[in-house]
Structures are given as C-alpha cells and as structure tokens.
Amino acid sequence: MHSKLLLAVLTACATPLAAQRAHQIELGGYASSTRFDRLMRLQWRVGAGLRLGYFITNSLGLELEGSLSQPRTQSPLAFTSVRWLSTSVVLNVRAGSNSPYLLAGYTRIQYGGSNDAPYDFGDHAINGAVGDRIRLFEGALLRLDGRAIFAPRTDPRFGGRWVGHLVGSVGVTMVAPVRHRPS
C-alpha cells in the first residue's frame, strides 16, 4: 500500500529537469565503493564504471551501466574481480536546482573467472537506487548514487541463498541532445 502511494506521488512530481530533456543521451564515468554481502567473503572495495542513458521523456529514461572492482578475498594476498552489467529504468524528479532520481532494473553479476575458484560464477539480480544529479556547468553534472543489488540465490558454495550488495558512487556525467539528420 505504501509503495503504491509513493509511486503515485513520485510520478505526480516528475517534471522536466533543468539539465535533462527528452531525447537526450547521458554518458558518464564514476568511482564506486561496494560493500559485498558477508556470504561472498569479499572485502569492501573501490571500483569504477561507465553508464550510458537515454531520456525517453523529460521524466523517464533508460540506462545501461557496467562496473568493475577487484576486492580482496579472505586469503590475505588474493584478489578476485567482480563485474556487473545493469539495465535500468530511471524516474527523474525535479527538486529545486538538483535533479534527484529513482532507478530500478536488472543486473548480471560475474564473479572471478575460469581460473579463480571459488569465484567463477555469475548471479542474476535486481537493482534499485536513489541518486541526484547536480549541475556543474552546461551539459556537465556531478552524479551521486546509492544502490542496492539483490540476487535471489547465489552459488551453492556460498550458501545458495539470496545475497545483497550496497554500492555508493560519485562521478561526472555529460548530457547532450540526440541530433536528427534532416531528410
């Protein structure tokens, strides 16, 4: 009941943003810090990523994002890689000079590689985020994001049950209109 009310209020508040408009693309990079679920036995680690977005309307967008981190495992000198690729729907909400947003979608998480046991598997997950875009200058924005990623079940070597990761990120993003060629 509360989630339906929240969605109704956010949809009603969604208005054109000062920096983002329909038919614009957003391209950015970011640094992130991930707190991995304890079941994964991975240390908190800084990573990096790229994102590409498209504003369908002034308040609704689609986004594709890829990220990489190399957290330390329980072994003192051993590291593994964690990569994810996400696709999400973004609801933009105007609040003064800032451009907050809510985001939800699908994430594919890939742990390690073929020679990186036991971190040699992938998880299907959902993601949700709350964030803000702060205008730096025309076409450039500082983007802050707090995200939760939940996989309903993971590899049996790590308990086989759901896992959740928390990710905070800060980056710079550029927005530009999509140019249409005259016919």
C-alpha atoms as a PDB file:
ATOM      1  CA  MET A   1       0.000   0.000   0.000  1.00  0.00           C
ATOM      2  CA  HIS A   2       2.747   2.474   0.948  1.00  0.00           C
ATOM      3  CA  SER A   3       4.769   1.624  -2.170  1.00  0.00           C
ATOM      4  CA  LYS A   4       1.777   2.400  -4.438  1.00  0.00           C
ATOM      5  CA  LEU A   5       1.281   5.746  -2.704  1.00  0.00           C
ATOM      6  CA  LEU A   6       4.999   6.575  -3.007  1.00  0.00           C
ATOM      7  CA  LEU A   7       4.982   5.692  -6.726  1.00  0.00           C
ATOM      8  CA  ALA A   8       1.884   7.868  -7.282  1.00  0.00           C
ATOM      9  CA  VAL A   9       3.482  10.856  -5.510  1.00  0.00           C
ATOM     10  CA  LEU A  10       6.788  10.482  -7.383  1.00  0.00           C
ATOM     11  CA  THR A  11       5.022  10.157 -10.733  1.00  0.00           C
ATOM     12  CA  ALA A  12       2.963  13.277  -9.989  1.00  0.00           C
ATOM     13  CA  CYS A  13       6.131  15.204  -9.018  1.00  0.00           C
ATOM     14  CA  ALA A  14       8.081  14.134 -12.089  1.00  0.00           C
ATOM     15  CA  THR A  15       8.639  17.304 -14.088  1.00  0.00           C
ATOM     16  CA  PRO A  16      11.041  18.440 -16.772  1.00  0.00           C
ATOM     17  CA  LEU A  17      14.580  18.745 -15.435  1.00  0.00           C
ATOM     18  CA  ALA A  18      16.774  21.758 -15.999  1.00  0.00           C
ATOM     19  CA  ALA A  19      19.668  19.674 -17.349  1.00  0.00           C
ATOM     20  CA  GLN A  20      17.897  16.679 -18.856  1.00  0.00           C
ATOM     21  CA  ARG A  21      15.244  16.717 -21.534  1.00  0.00           C
ATOM     22  CA  ALA A  22      13.507  14.211 -23.743  1.00  0.00           C
ATOM     23  CA  HIS A  23      15.688  12.724 -26.475  1.00  0.00           C
ATOM     24  CA  GLN A  24      18.999  13.459 -24.774  1.00  0.00           C
ATOM     25  CA  ILE A  25      21.767  10.999 -24.057  1.00  0.00           C
ATOM     26  CA  GLU A  26      23.783  10.826 -20.860  1.00  0.00           C
ATOM     27  CA  LEU A  27      27.334   9.454 -20.807  1.00  0.00           C
ATOM     28  CA  GLY A  28      29.406   9.285 -17.654  1.00  0.00           C
ATOM     29  CA  GLY A  29      32.032   7.596 -15.583  1.00  0.00           C
ATOM     30  CA  TYR A  30      32.201   7.078 -11.848  1.00  0.00           C
ATOM     31  CA  ALA A  31      34.126   5.712  -8.896  1.00  0.00           C
ATOM     32  CA  SER A  32      32.236   3.363  -6.601  1.00  0.00           C
ATOM     33  CA  SER A  33      32.599   1.710  -3.244  1.00  0.00           C
ATOM     34  CA  THR A  34      30.927  -1.670  -2.753  1.00  0.00           C
ATOM     35  CA  ARG A  35      30.005  -3.413   0.462  1.00  0.00           C
ATOM     36  CA  PHE A  36      29.621  -7.043  -0.581  1.00  0.00           C
ATOM     37  CA  ASP A  37      27.266  -9.430   1.202  1.00  0.00           C
ATOM     38  CA  ARG A  38      29.075 -11.306   4.002  1.00  0.00           C
ATOM     39  CA  LEU A  39      28.292 -14.655   2.355  1.00  0.00           C
ATOM     40  CA  MET A  40      30.616 -13.718  -0.522  1.00  0.00           C
ATOM     41  CA  ARG A  41      33.612 -13.288   1.833  1.00  0.00           C
ATOM     42  CA  LEU A  42      34.847 -10.262  -0.104  1.00  0.00           C
ATOM     43  CA  GLN A  43      36.286  -7.075   1.402  1.00  0.00           C
ATOM     44  CA  TRP A  44      34.803  -3.619   0.842  1.00  0.00           C
ATOM     45  CA  ARG A  45      36.483  -2.259  -2.281  1.00  0.00           C
ATOM     46  CA  VAL A  46      36.667   0.780  -4.589  1.00  0.00           C
ATOM     47  CA  GLY A  47      35.759   0.181  -8.228  1.00  0.00           C
ATOM     48  CA  ALA A  48      34.880   2.106 -11.371  1.00  0.00           C
ATOM     49  CA  GLY A  49      32.210   2.091 -14.020  1.00  0.00           C
ATOM     50  CA  LEU A  50      30.625   3.677 -17.061  1.00  0.00           C
ATOM     51  CA  ARG A  51      26.996   4.460 -17.811  1.00  0.00           C
ATOM     52  CA  LEU A  52      25.001   5.377 -20.896  1.00  0.00           C
ATOM     53  CA  GLY A  53      21.465   6.707 -20.612  1.00  0.00           C
ATOM     54  CA  TYR A  54      18.708   7.919 -22.894  1.00  0.00           C
ATOM     55  CA  PHE A  55      15.854  10.203 -21.817  1.00  0.00           C
ATOM     56  CA  ILE A  56      12.667   8.956 -23.440  1.00  0.00           C
ATOM     57  CA  THR A  57      10.678  11.809 -21.884  1.00  0.00           C
ATOM     58  CA  ASN A  58      11.662  14.621 -19.520  1.00  0.00           C
ATOM     59  CA  SER A  59      10.944  12.380 -16.532  1.00  0.00           C
ATOM     60  CA  LEU A  60      11.600   8.828 -17.797  1.00  0.00           C
ATOM     61  CA  GLY A  61      14.849   7.316 -19.044  1.00  0.00           C
ATOM     62  CA  LEU A  62      16.662   4.060 -19.769  1.00  0.00           C
ATOM     63  CA  GLU A  63      20.204   3.343 -18.658  1.00  0.00           C
ATOM     64  CA  LEU A  64      22.939   0.775 -19.329  1.00  0.00           C
ATOM     65  CA  GLU A  65      25.810   0.529 -16.847  1.00  0.00           C
ATOM     66  CA  GLY A  66      28.953  -1.550 -16.464  1.00  0.00           C
ATOM     67  CA  SER A  67      31.159  -1.725 -13.370  1.00  0.00           C
ATOM     68  CA  LEU A  68      34.363  -3.447 -12.213  1.00  0.00           C
ATOM     69  CA  SER A  69      36.008  -3.894  -8.829  1.00  0.00           C
ATOM     70  CA  GLN A  70      38.755  -6.188  -7.577  1.00  0.00           C
ATOM     71  CA  PRO A  71      38.037  -6.962  -3.925  1.00  0.00           C
ATOM     72  CA  ARG A  72      40.341  -8.907  -1.652  1.00  0.00           C
ATOM     73  CA  THR A  73      39.156 -12.364  -0.678  1.00  0.00           C
ATOM     74  CA  GLN A  74      39.632 -13.970   2.751  1.00  0.00           C
ATOM     75  CA  SER A  75      43.128 -15.014   1.708  1.00  0.00           C
ATOM     76  CA  PRO A  76      45.459 -12.150   2.708  1.00  0.00           C
ATOM     77  CA  LEU A  77      47.057 -11.569  -0.690  1.00  0.00           C
ATOM     78  CA  ALA A  78      44.341 -12.908  -3.010  1.00  0.00           C
ATOM     79  CA  PHE A  79      42.054 -10.703  -5.076  1.00  0.00           C
ATOM     80  CA  THR A  80      39.256 -11.551  -7.487  1.00  0.00           C
ATOM     81  CA  SER A  81      37.279  -9.465  -9.956  1.00  0.00           C
ATOM     82  CA  VAL A  82      33.599  -8.619  -9.746  1.00  0.00           C
ATOM     83  CA  ARG A  83      31.927  -7.197 -12.846  1.00  0.00           C
ATOM     84  CA  TRP A  84      28.337  -6.259 -13.393  1.00  0.00           C
ATOM     85  CA  LEU A  85      26.221  -5.069 -16.232  1.00  0.00           C
ATOM     86  CA  SER A  86      22.901  -3.400 -15.419  1.00  0.00           C
ATOM     87  CA  THR A  87      19.975  -2.160 -17.424  1.00  0.00           C
ATOM     88  CA  SER A  88      17.512   0.087 -15.624  1.00  0.00           C
ATOM     89  CA  VAL A  89      14.516   2.386 -15.897  1.00  0.00           C
ATOM     90  CA  VAL A  90      15.096   5.835 -14.382  1.00  0.00           C
ATOM     91  CA  LEU A  91      12.378   8.120 -12.966  1.00  0.00           C
ATOM     92  CA  ASN A  92      13.670  11.694 -12.768  1.00  0.00           C
ATOM     93  CA  VAL A  93      12.126  14.069 -10.218  1.00  0.00           C
ATOM     94  CA  ARG A  94      12.812  17.815 -10.058  1.00  0.00           C
ATOM     95  CA  ALA A  95      13.645  19.318  -6.658  1.00  0.00           C
ATOM     96  CA  GLY A  96      14.938  22.882  -6.889  1.00  0.00           C
ATOM     97  CA  SER A  97      18.295  23.117  -8.651  1.00  0.00           C
ATOM     98  CA  ASN A  98      19.055  19.400  -8.199  1.00  0.00           C
ATOM     99  CA  SER A  99      17.775  16.517 -10.292  1.00  0.00           C
ATOM    100  CA  PRO A 100      17.067  13.541  -7.997  1.00  0.00           C
ATOM    101  CA  TYR A 101      16.058  10.198  -9.461  1.00  0.00           C
ATOM    102  CA  LEU A 102      14.909   6.697  -8.640  1.00  0.00           C
ATOM    103  CA  LEU A 103      16.197   3.762 -10.630  1.00  0.00           C
ATOM    104  CA  ALA A 104      15.267   0.071 -10.853  1.00  0.00           C
ATOM    105  CA  GLY A 105      16.304  -2.759 -13.141  1.00  0.00           C
ATOM    106  CA  TYR A 106      18.193  -5.988 -13.811  1.00  0.00           C
ATOM    107  CA  THR A 107      21.877  -6.693 -13.048  1.00  0.00           C
ATOM    108  CA  ARG A 108      24.093  -9.563 -14.183  1.00  0.00           C
ATOM    109  CA  ILE A 109      26.963 -10.043 -11.708  1.00  0.00           C
ATOM    110  CA  GLN A 110      30.033 -12.028 -12.790  1.00  0.00           C
ATOM    111  CA  TYR A 111      32.458 -13.096 -10.063  1.00  0.00           C
ATOM    112  CA  GLY A 112      36.056 -14.036 -10.874  1.00  0.00           C
ATOM    113  CA  GLY A 113      36.951 -16.072 -13.914  1.00  0.00           C
ATOM    114  CA  SER A 114      37.626 -19.625 -15.066  1.00  0.00           C
ATOM    115  CA  ASN A 115      40.862 -19.887 -13.009  1.00  0.00           C
ATOM    116  CA  ASP A 116      39.520 -18.062  -9.977  1.00  0.00           C
ATOM    117  CA  ALA A 117      37.683 -20.736  -7.938  1.00  0.00           C
ATOM    118  CA  PRO A 118      35.521 -20.493  -5.941  1.00  0.00           C
ATOM    119  CA  TYR A 119      34.795 -17.103  -7.584  1.00  0.00           C
ATOM    120  CA  ASP A 120      33.990 -18.423 -11.039  1.00  0.00           C
ATOM    121  CA  PHE A 121      30.223 -17.968 -11.414  1.00  0.00           C
ATOM    122  CA  GLY A 122      27.536 -15.378 -12.101  1.00  0.00           C
ATOM    123  CA  ASP A 123      24.319 -14.216 -10.445  1.00  0.00           C
ATOM    124  CA  HIS A 124      21.123 -12.710 -11.827  1.00  0.00           C
ATOM    125  CA  ALA A 125      19.966  -9.802  -9.668  1.00  0.00           C
ATOM    126  CA  ILE A 126      17.659  -6.823  -9.387  1.00  0.00           C
ATOM    127  CA  ASN A 127      18.841  -3.339  -8.518  1.00  0.00           C
ATOM    128  CA  GLY A 128      17.319  -0.217  -7.055  1.00  0.00           C
ATOM    129  CA  ALA A 129      18.898   3.176  -6.494  1.00  0.00           C
ATOM    130  CA  VAL A 130      18.280   6.675  -5.321  1.00  0.00           C
ATOM    131  CA  GLY A 131      20.518   9.432  -6.585  1.00  0.00           C
ATOM    132  CA  ASP A 132      20.996  13.036  -7.536  1.00  0.00           C
ATOM    133  CA  ARG A 133      22.470  14.979 -10.442  1.00  0.00           C
ATOM    134  CA  ILE A 134      23.989  18.344  -9.517  1.00  0.00           C
ATOM    135  CA  ARG A 135      24.730  20.798 -12.314  1.00  0.00           C
ATOM    136  CA  LEU A 136      28.412  21.698 -12.630  1.00  0.00           C
ATOM    137  CA  PHE A 137      28.071  23.730 -15.849  1.00  0.00           C
ATOM    138  CA  GLU A 138      26.034  23.493 -19.044  1.00  0.00           C
ATOM    139  CA  GLY A 139      25.888  19.842 -20.095  1.00  0.00           C
ATOM    140  CA  ALA A 140      28.021  18.531 -17.195  1.00  0.00           C
ATOM    141  CA  LEU A 141      26.635  17.078 -13.984  1.00  0.00           C
ATOM    142  CA  LEU A 142      28.014  15.642 -10.765  1.00  0.00           C
ATOM    143  CA  ARG A 143      26.120  12.393 -10.147  1.00  0.00           C
ATOM    144  CA  LEU A 144      25.740  10.760  -6.717  1.00  0.00           C
ATOM    145  CA  ASP A 145      24.133   7.321  -6.421  1.00  0.00           C
ATOM    146  CA  GLY A 146      23.284   4.871  -3.632  1.00  0.00           C
ATOM    147  CA  ARG A 147      22.299   1.433  -4.880  1.00  0.00           C
ATOM    148  CA  ALA A 148      21.220  -1.950  -3.570  1.00  0.00           C
ATOM    149  CA  ILE A 149      21.688  -5.086  -5.675  1.00  0.00           C
ATOM    150  CA  PHE A 150      19.871  -8.284  -4.663  1.00  0.00           C
ATOM    151  CA  ALA A 151      20.386 -11.735  -6.164  1.00  0.00           C
ATOM    152  CA  PRO A 152      17.575 -14.112  -5.111  1.00  0.00           C
ATOM    153  CA  ARG A 153      20.016 -17.020  -4.986  1.00  0.00           C
ATOM    154  CA  THR A 154      23.737 -17.448  -5.423  1.00  0.00           C
ATOM    155  CA  ASP A 155      26.198 -20.294  -5.961  1.00  0.00           C
ATOM    156  CA  PRO A 156      25.790 -23.221  -3.524  1.00  0.00           C
ATOM    157  CA  ARG A 157      29.437 -22.799  -2.428  1.00  0.00           C
ATOM    158  CA  PHE A 158      28.292 -19.521  -0.860  1.00  0.00           C
ATOM    159  CA  GLY A 159      25.113 -20.809   0.755  1.00  0.00           C
ATOM    160  CA  GLY A 160      22.839 -20.859  -2.285  1.00  0.00           C
ATOM    161  CA  ARG A 161      20.524 -18.231  -0.801  1.00  0.00           C
ATOM    162  CA  TRP A 162      19.943 -14.560  -1.608  1.00  0.00           C
ATOM    163  CA  VAL A 163      22.761 -12.023  -1.379  1.00  0.00           C
ATOM    164  CA  GLY A 164      22.661  -8.240  -1.269  1.00  0.00           C
ATOM    165  CA  HIS A 165      25.375  -5.740  -2.104  1.00  0.00           C
ATOM    166  CA  LEU A 166      25.401  -1.997  -1.368  1.00  0.00           C
ATOM    167  CA  VAL A 167      27.111   0.403  -3.757  1.00  0.00           C
ATOM    168  CA  GLY A 168      27.795   4.115  -3.431  1.00  0.00           C
ATOM    169  CA  SER A 169      29.134   6.028  -6.408  1.00  0.00           C
ATOM    170  CA  VAL A 170      30.196   9.522  -7.416  1.00  0.00           C
ATOM    171  CA  GLY A 171      31.002  10.592 -10.948  1.00  0.00           C
ATOM    172  CA  VAL A 172      30.673  13.095 -13.734  1.00  0.00           C
ATOM    173  CA  THR A 173      28.132  12.720 -16.482  1.00  0.00           C
ATOM    174  CA  MET A 174      27.599  14.671 -19.704  1.00  0.00           C
ATOM    175  CA  VAL A 175      24.217  15.213 -21.351  1.00  0.00           C
ATOM    176  CA  ALA A 176      23.645  16.162 -24.971  1.00  0.00           C
ATOM    177  CA  PRO A 177      20.682  16.162 -27.353  1.00  0.00           C
ATOM    178  CA  VAL A 178      20.404  13.400 -29.922  1.00  0.00           C
ATOM    179  CA  ARG A 179      20.779  15.112 -33.276  1.00  0.00           C
ATOM    180  CA  HIS A 180      18.367  14.096 -36.022  1.00  0.00           C
ATOM    181  CA  ARG A 181      19.548  14.318 -39.595  1.00  0.00           C
ATOM    182  CA  PRO A 182      17.295  16.228 -41.960  1.00  0.00           C
ATOM    183  CA  SER A 183      15.586  14.027 -44.557  1.00  0.00           C
END
